[in-house]
């Protein structure tokens, strides 16, 4: 994973929104070798909001997705494939595992 560009940041009172655009490169490890064979490259874009507050002298925060993760196939050495299934899996994982874990909650946004 590598950033395609610097993330866009927007600050409003009590809230920070980050819009990262990342490139994700997938590789296959060849048998009995440490050589990697490039398979495909994706562009991933989403926006994430962090709400920040102060209570009893403690800084508190929570993360919420501003939009669903969008994937785009930039290049493939294995032929064209639809990224919609990967997009759905990543969005499910983020909604039910990543955000609740980071926020210390067991709920979906």
N, C-alpha and C. Protein backbone atom coordinates (compact mmCIF):
# COMPACT_ATOMS: atom_id res chain seq x y z
N UNK A 1 0.84 -1.16 0.00
CA UNK A 1 0.00 0.00 0.00
C UNK A 1 0.89 1.23 0.00
N UNK A 2 0.52 2.21 -0.78
CA UNK A 2 1.24 3.48 -0.80
C UNK A 2 0.27 4.60 -1.14
N UNK A 3 0.51 5.79 -0.60
CA UNK A 3 -0.39 6.90 -0.92
C UNK A 3 -0.19 7.35 -2.36
N UNK A 4 -1.29 7.64 -3.04
CA UNK A 4 -1.21 8.15 -4.41
C UNK A 4 -0.90 9.65 -4.38
N UNK A 5 -1.42 10.30 -3.35
CA UNK A 5 -1.19 11.73 -3.16
C UNK A 5 -1.37 12.04 -1.68
N UNK A 6 -1.03 13.25 -1.29
CA UNK A 6 -1.24 13.66 0.10
C UNK A 6 -2.74 13.64 0.38
N UNK A 7 -3.15 13.17 1.57
CA UNK A 7 -4.59 13.13 1.87
C UNK A 7 -5.16 14.54 2.00
N UNK A 8 -6.39 14.71 1.59
CA UNK A 8 -7.11 15.95 1.77
C UNK A 8 -7.65 15.98 3.19
N UNK A 9 -7.37 17.05 3.93
CA UNK A 9 -7.86 17.21 5.30
C UNK A 9 -8.78 18.41 5.37
N UNK A 10 -9.91 18.25 6.09
CA UNK A 10 -10.84 19.35 6.29
C UNK A 10 -11.13 19.44 7.79
N UNK A 11 -10.97 20.62 8.35
CA UNK A 11 -11.19 20.83 9.77
C UNK A 11 -12.44 21.68 9.97
N UNK A 12 -13.33 21.20 10.84
CA UNK A 12 -14.49 21.95 11.29
C UNK A 12 -14.51 21.83 12.81
N UNK A 13 -15.26 22.67 13.52
CA UNK A 13 -15.25 22.58 14.98
C UNK A 13 -15.58 21.17 15.49
N UNK A 14 -14.65 20.57 16.21
CA UNK A 14 -14.85 19.24 16.80
C UNK A 14 -14.74 18.08 15.83
N UNK A 15 -14.34 18.35 14.59
CA UNK A 15 -14.33 17.28 13.60
C UNK A 15 -13.17 17.46 12.61
N UNK A 16 -12.56 16.34 12.23
CA UNK A 16 -11.52 16.32 11.21
C UNK A 16 -11.93 15.28 10.19
N UNK A 17 -11.94 15.64 8.92
CA UNK A 17 -12.25 14.70 7.85
C UNK A 17 -11.00 14.49 7.01
N UNK A 18 -10.68 13.23 6.76
CA UNK A 18 -9.51 12.86 5.97
C UNK A 18 -9.98 12.08 4.75
N UNK A 19 -9.46 12.45 3.58
CA UNK A 19 -9.81 11.76 2.35
C UNK A 19 -8.51 11.21 1.75
N UNK A 20 -8.13 9.98 2.14
CA UNK A 20 -6.92 9.40 1.57
C UNK A 20 -7.21 8.71 0.24
N UNK A 21 -6.23 8.76 -0.67
CA UNK A 21 -6.29 8.00 -1.91
C UNK A 21 -5.03 7.13 -1.92
N UNK A 22 -5.24 5.82 -1.88
CA UNK A 22 -4.14 4.87 -1.76
C UNK A 22 -4.06 3.97 -2.99
N UNK A 23 -2.85 3.53 -3.29
CA UNK A 23 -2.64 2.49 -4.30
C UNK A 23 -2.31 1.20 -3.56
N UNK A 24 -2.97 0.13 -3.94
CA UNK A 24 -2.76 -1.18 -3.33
C UNK A 24 -2.22 -2.11 -4.41
N UNK A 25 -1.04 -2.65 -4.18
CA UNK A 25 -0.41 -3.57 -5.14
C UNK A 25 -0.49 -4.99 -4.57
N UNK A 26 -1.02 -5.93 -5.33
CA UNK A 26 -1.09 -7.33 -4.90
C UNK A 26 -0.01 -8.13 -5.62
N UNK A 27 0.64 -9.02 -4.87
CA UNK A 27 1.72 -9.85 -5.40
C UNK A 27 1.44 -11.31 -5.09
N UNK A 28 2.06 -12.19 -5.85
CA UNK A 28 2.07 -13.62 -5.55
C UNK A 28 3.52 -13.99 -5.25
N UNK A 29 3.71 -14.81 -4.22
CA UNK A 29 5.04 -15.32 -3.91
C UNK A 29 5.25 -16.60 -4.69
N UNK A 30 6.33 -16.66 -5.43
CA UNK A 30 6.63 -17.85 -6.23
C UNK A 30 7.11 -18.98 -5.32
N UNK A 31 6.77 -20.24 -5.63
CA UNK A 31 7.18 -21.37 -4.79
C UNK A 31 8.71 -21.44 -4.65
N UNK A 32 9.15 -21.76 -3.45
CA UNK A 32 10.58 -21.94 -3.15
C UNK A 32 11.41 -20.72 -3.54
N UNK A 33 10.83 -19.53 -3.38
CA UNK A 33 11.55 -18.32 -3.76
C UNK A 33 11.01 -17.15 -2.94
N UNK A 34 11.81 -16.13 -2.82
CA UNK A 34 11.32 -14.91 -2.17
C UNK A 34 10.93 -13.87 -3.21
N UNK A 35 10.98 -14.26 -4.49
CA UNK A 35 10.57 -13.36 -5.57
C UNK A 35 9.06 -13.17 -5.57
N UNK A 36 8.66 -11.92 -5.83
CA UNK A 36 7.24 -11.61 -5.91
C UNK A 36 6.85 -11.32 -7.35
N UNK A 37 5.70 -11.84 -7.75
CA UNK A 37 5.17 -11.61 -9.09
C UNK A 37 3.99 -10.65 -8.95
N UNK A 38 4.06 -9.43 -9.55
CA UNK A 38 2.95 -8.50 -9.44
C UNK A 38 1.69 -9.05 -10.12
N UNK A 39 0.55 -8.93 -9.43
CA UNK A 39 -0.71 -9.41 -9.98
C UNK A 39 -1.58 -8.26 -10.50
N UNK A 40 -1.88 -7.31 -9.61
CA UNK A 40 -2.72 -6.18 -10.00
C UNK A 40 -2.50 -5.01 -9.05
N UNK A 41 -2.98 -3.85 -9.48
CA UNK A 41 -2.90 -2.64 -8.66
C UNK A 41 -4.27 -1.99 -8.61
N UNK A 42 -4.70 -1.61 -7.40
CA UNK A 42 -5.98 -0.96 -7.19
C UNK A 42 -5.78 0.44 -6.66
N UNK A 43 -6.74 1.32 -6.95
CA UNK A 43 -6.81 2.63 -6.31
C UNK A 43 -7.96 2.55 -5.31
N UNK A 44 -7.70 2.97 -4.08
CA UNK A 44 -8.72 2.95 -3.03
C UNK A 44 -8.95 4.38 -2.54
N UNK A 45 -10.23 4.76 -2.41
CA UNK A 45 -10.57 6.10 -1.95
C UNK A 45 -11.75 6.01 -1.00
N UNK A 46 -11.66 6.76 0.09
CA UNK A 46 -12.76 6.86 1.05
C UNK A 46 -12.59 8.14 1.83
N UNK A 47 -13.54 8.49 2.64
CA UNK A 47 -13.32 9.58 3.58
C UNK A 47 -13.74 9.14 4.97
N UNK A 48 -12.95 9.58 5.93
CA UNK A 48 -13.10 9.17 7.32
C UNK A 48 -13.19 10.42 8.17
N UNK A 49 -14.17 10.46 9.08
CA UNK A 49 -14.31 11.59 9.98
C UNK A 49 -13.94 11.18 11.39
N UNK A 50 -13.21 12.06 12.05
CA UNK A 50 -12.87 11.86 13.46
C UNK A 50 -13.54 12.98 14.24
N UNK A 51 -14.38 12.61 15.19
CA UNK A 51 -15.03 13.57 16.07
C UNK A 51 -14.24 13.61 17.36
N UNK A 52 -13.87 14.81 17.76
CA UNK A 52 -13.00 14.98 18.93
C UNK A 52 -13.73 15.82 19.96
N UNK A 53 -13.65 15.39 21.24
CA UNK A 53 -14.25 16.15 22.33
C UNK A 53 -13.39 16.03 23.57
N UNK A 54 -13.64 16.89 24.54
CA UNK A 54 -12.92 16.87 25.81
C UNK A 54 -13.95 16.70 26.91
N UNK A 55 -13.72 15.73 27.79
CA UNK A 55 -14.63 15.46 28.90
C UNK A 55 -13.80 15.10 30.12
N UNK A 56 -14.03 15.76 31.22
CA UNK A 56 -13.30 15.51 32.47
C UNK A 56 -11.79 15.55 32.26
N UNK A 57 -11.34 16.49 31.46
CA UNK A 57 -9.91 16.64 31.23
C UNK A 57 -9.30 15.60 30.30
N UNK A 58 -10.13 14.77 29.68
CA UNK A 58 -9.65 13.74 28.75
C UNK A 58 -10.09 14.07 27.34
N UNK A 59 -9.20 13.84 26.40
CA UNK A 59 -9.54 14.02 24.99
C UNK A 59 -10.14 12.71 24.48
N UNK A 60 -11.36 12.80 23.96
CA UNK A 60 -12.07 11.62 23.45
C UNK A 60 -12.28 11.78 21.95
N UNK A 61 -12.36 10.67 21.27
CA UNK A 61 -12.60 10.72 19.84
C UNK A 61 -13.28 9.46 19.33
N UNK A 62 -13.90 9.59 18.19
CA UNK A 62 -14.49 8.43 17.54
C UNK A 62 -14.37 8.61 16.03
N UNK A 63 -14.27 7.50 15.33
CA UNK A 63 -14.15 7.51 13.88
C UNK A 63 -15.45 7.05 13.25
N UNK A 64 -15.82 7.69 12.16
CA UNK A 64 -16.98 7.26 11.39
C UNK A 64 -16.63 7.36 9.91
N UNK A 65 -17.13 6.43 9.12
CA UNK A 65 -16.88 6.53 7.69
C UNK A 65 -17.74 7.65 7.10
N UNK A 66 -17.13 8.47 6.26
CA UNK A 66 -17.89 9.51 5.58
C UNK A 66 -18.55 8.96 4.33
N UNK A 67 -17.91 7.97 3.73
CA UNK A 67 -18.46 7.31 2.55
C UNK A 67 -17.88 5.90 2.47
N UNK A 68 -18.47 5.09 1.67
CA UNK A 68 -17.96 3.74 1.48
C UNK A 68 -16.65 3.78 0.70
N UNK A 69 -15.83 2.78 0.92
CA UNK A 69 -14.58 2.62 0.19
C UNK A 69 -14.90 2.36 -1.28
N UNK A 70 -14.23 3.08 -2.17
CA UNK A 70 -14.39 2.87 -3.60
C UNK A 70 -13.08 2.33 -4.15
N UNK A 71 -13.15 1.23 -4.88
CA UNK A 71 -11.97 0.63 -5.50
C UNK A 71 -12.05 0.78 -7.01
N UNK A 72 -10.87 0.94 -7.61
CA UNK A 72 -10.76 1.03 -9.07
C UNK A 72 -9.55 0.20 -9.49
N UNK A 73 -9.73 -0.63 -10.49
CA UNK A 73 -8.62 -1.43 -11.02
C UNK A 73 -7.77 -0.53 -11.91
N UNK A 74 -6.51 -0.29 -11.47
CA UNK A 74 -5.61 0.57 -12.25
C UNK A 74 -4.83 -0.21 -13.28
N UNK A 75 -4.39 -1.41 -12.90
CA UNK A 75 -3.56 -2.23 -13.79
C UNK A 75 -3.70 -3.68 -13.35
N UNK A 76 -3.69 -4.60 -14.30
CA UNK A 76 -3.75 -6.02 -13.98
C UNK A 76 -2.87 -6.82 -14.91
N UNK A 77 -2.07 -7.72 -14.33
CA UNK A 77 -1.28 -8.68 -15.10
C UNK A 77 -2.02 -10.00 -15.26
N UNK A 78 -3.20 -10.10 -14.67
CA UNK A 78 -3.98 -11.35 -14.74
C UNK A 78 -5.29 -11.17 -15.49
N UNK A 79 -5.44 -10.03 -16.15
CA UNK A 79 -6.65 -9.76 -16.91
C UNK A 79 -7.63 -8.93 -16.09
N UNK A 80 -8.65 -8.42 -16.76
CA UNK A 80 -9.65 -7.58 -16.11
C UNK A 80 -10.48 -8.42 -15.13
N UNK A 81 -10.82 -7.83 -13.99
CA UNK A 81 -11.79 -8.43 -13.08
C UNK A 81 -12.56 -7.31 -12.40
N UNK A 82 -13.79 -7.63 -12.02
CA UNK A 82 -14.67 -6.67 -11.37
C UNK A 82 -14.27 -6.54 -9.90
N UNK A 83 -14.02 -5.34 -9.44
CA UNK A 83 -13.57 -5.12 -8.06
C UNK A 83 -14.73 -4.95 -7.09
N UNK A 84 -15.96 -5.07 -7.56
CA UNK A 84 -17.14 -4.85 -6.72
C UNK A 84 -17.19 -5.81 -5.53
N UNK A 85 -16.83 -7.08 -5.72
CA UNK A 85 -16.85 -8.03 -4.61
C UNK A 85 -15.80 -7.65 -3.56
N UNK A 86 -14.58 -7.30 -3.98
CA UNK A 86 -13.55 -6.86 -3.04
C UNK A 86 -14.02 -5.61 -2.29
N UNK A 87 -14.63 -4.69 -3.00
CA UNK A 87 -15.15 -3.46 -2.40
C UNK A 87 -16.18 -3.79 -1.31
N UNK A 88 -17.08 -4.71 -1.59
CA UNK A 88 -18.10 -5.11 -0.62
C UNK A 88 -17.49 -5.76 0.61
N UNK A 89 -16.49 -6.62 0.40
CA UNK A 89 -15.83 -7.30 1.52
C UNK A 89 -15.11 -6.28 2.40
N UNK A 90 -14.35 -5.36 1.79
CA UNK A 90 -13.64 -4.33 2.56
C UNK A 90 -14.61 -3.44 3.32
N UNK A 91 -15.72 -3.05 2.70
CA UNK A 91 -16.69 -2.19 3.38
C UNK A 91 -17.37 -2.91 4.53
N UNK A 92 -17.69 -4.17 4.36
CA UNK A 92 -18.28 -4.96 5.46
C UNK A 92 -17.29 -5.05 6.62
N UNK A 93 -16.05 -5.40 6.32
CA UNK A 93 -15.02 -5.54 7.34
C UNK A 93 -14.81 -4.22 8.09
N UNK A 94 -14.78 -3.11 7.36
CA UNK A 94 -14.60 -1.81 8.01
C UNK A 94 -15.78 -1.48 8.92
N UNK A 95 -17.00 -1.70 8.44
CA UNK A 95 -18.20 -1.35 9.21
C UNK A 95 -18.40 -2.20 10.45
N UNK A 96 -18.13 -3.49 10.35
CA UNK A 96 -18.44 -4.39 11.45
C UNK A 96 -17.23 -4.77 12.31
N UNK A 97 -16.02 -4.55 11.84
CA UNK A 97 -14.83 -4.95 12.59
C UNK A 97 -13.94 -3.75 12.93
N UNK A 98 -13.48 -3.03 11.92
CA UNK A 98 -12.48 -1.99 12.15
C UNK A 98 -13.03 -0.82 12.95
N UNK A 99 -14.10 -0.17 12.46
CA UNK A 99 -14.62 1.00 13.18
C UNK A 99 -15.11 0.66 14.58
N UNK A 100 -15.91 -0.39 14.79
CA UNK A 100 -16.32 -0.71 16.16
C UNK A 100 -15.12 -1.02 17.07
N UNK A 101 -14.11 -1.69 16.54
CA UNK A 101 -12.93 -2.01 17.35
C UNK A 101 -12.18 -0.74 17.74
N UNK A 102 -11.98 0.15 16.80
CA UNK A 102 -11.27 1.40 17.09
C UNK A 102 -12.06 2.28 18.05
N UNK A 103 -13.37 2.25 17.95
CA UNK A 103 -14.21 3.07 18.82
C UNK A 103 -14.60 2.39 20.11
N UNK A 104 -14.21 1.11 20.28
CA UNK A 104 -14.56 0.38 21.50
C UNK A 104 -16.03 0.09 21.63
N UNK A 105 -16.70 -0.08 20.48
CA UNK A 105 -18.14 -0.36 20.48
C UNK A 105 -18.42 -1.62 19.70
N UNK A 106 -19.62 -2.16 19.87
CA UNK A 106 -20.04 -3.34 19.11
C UNK A 106 -21.22 -3.00 18.21
N UNK A 107 -21.14 -1.88 17.55
CA UNK A 107 -22.26 -1.49 16.68
C UNK A 107 -21.74 -1.10 15.32
N UNK A 108 -22.66 -0.96 14.39
CA UNK A 108 -22.32 -0.60 13.01
C UNK A 108 -22.73 0.83 12.76
N UNK A 109 -22.03 1.51 11.86
CA UNK A 109 -22.35 2.90 11.50
C UNK A 109 -23.12 2.93 10.23
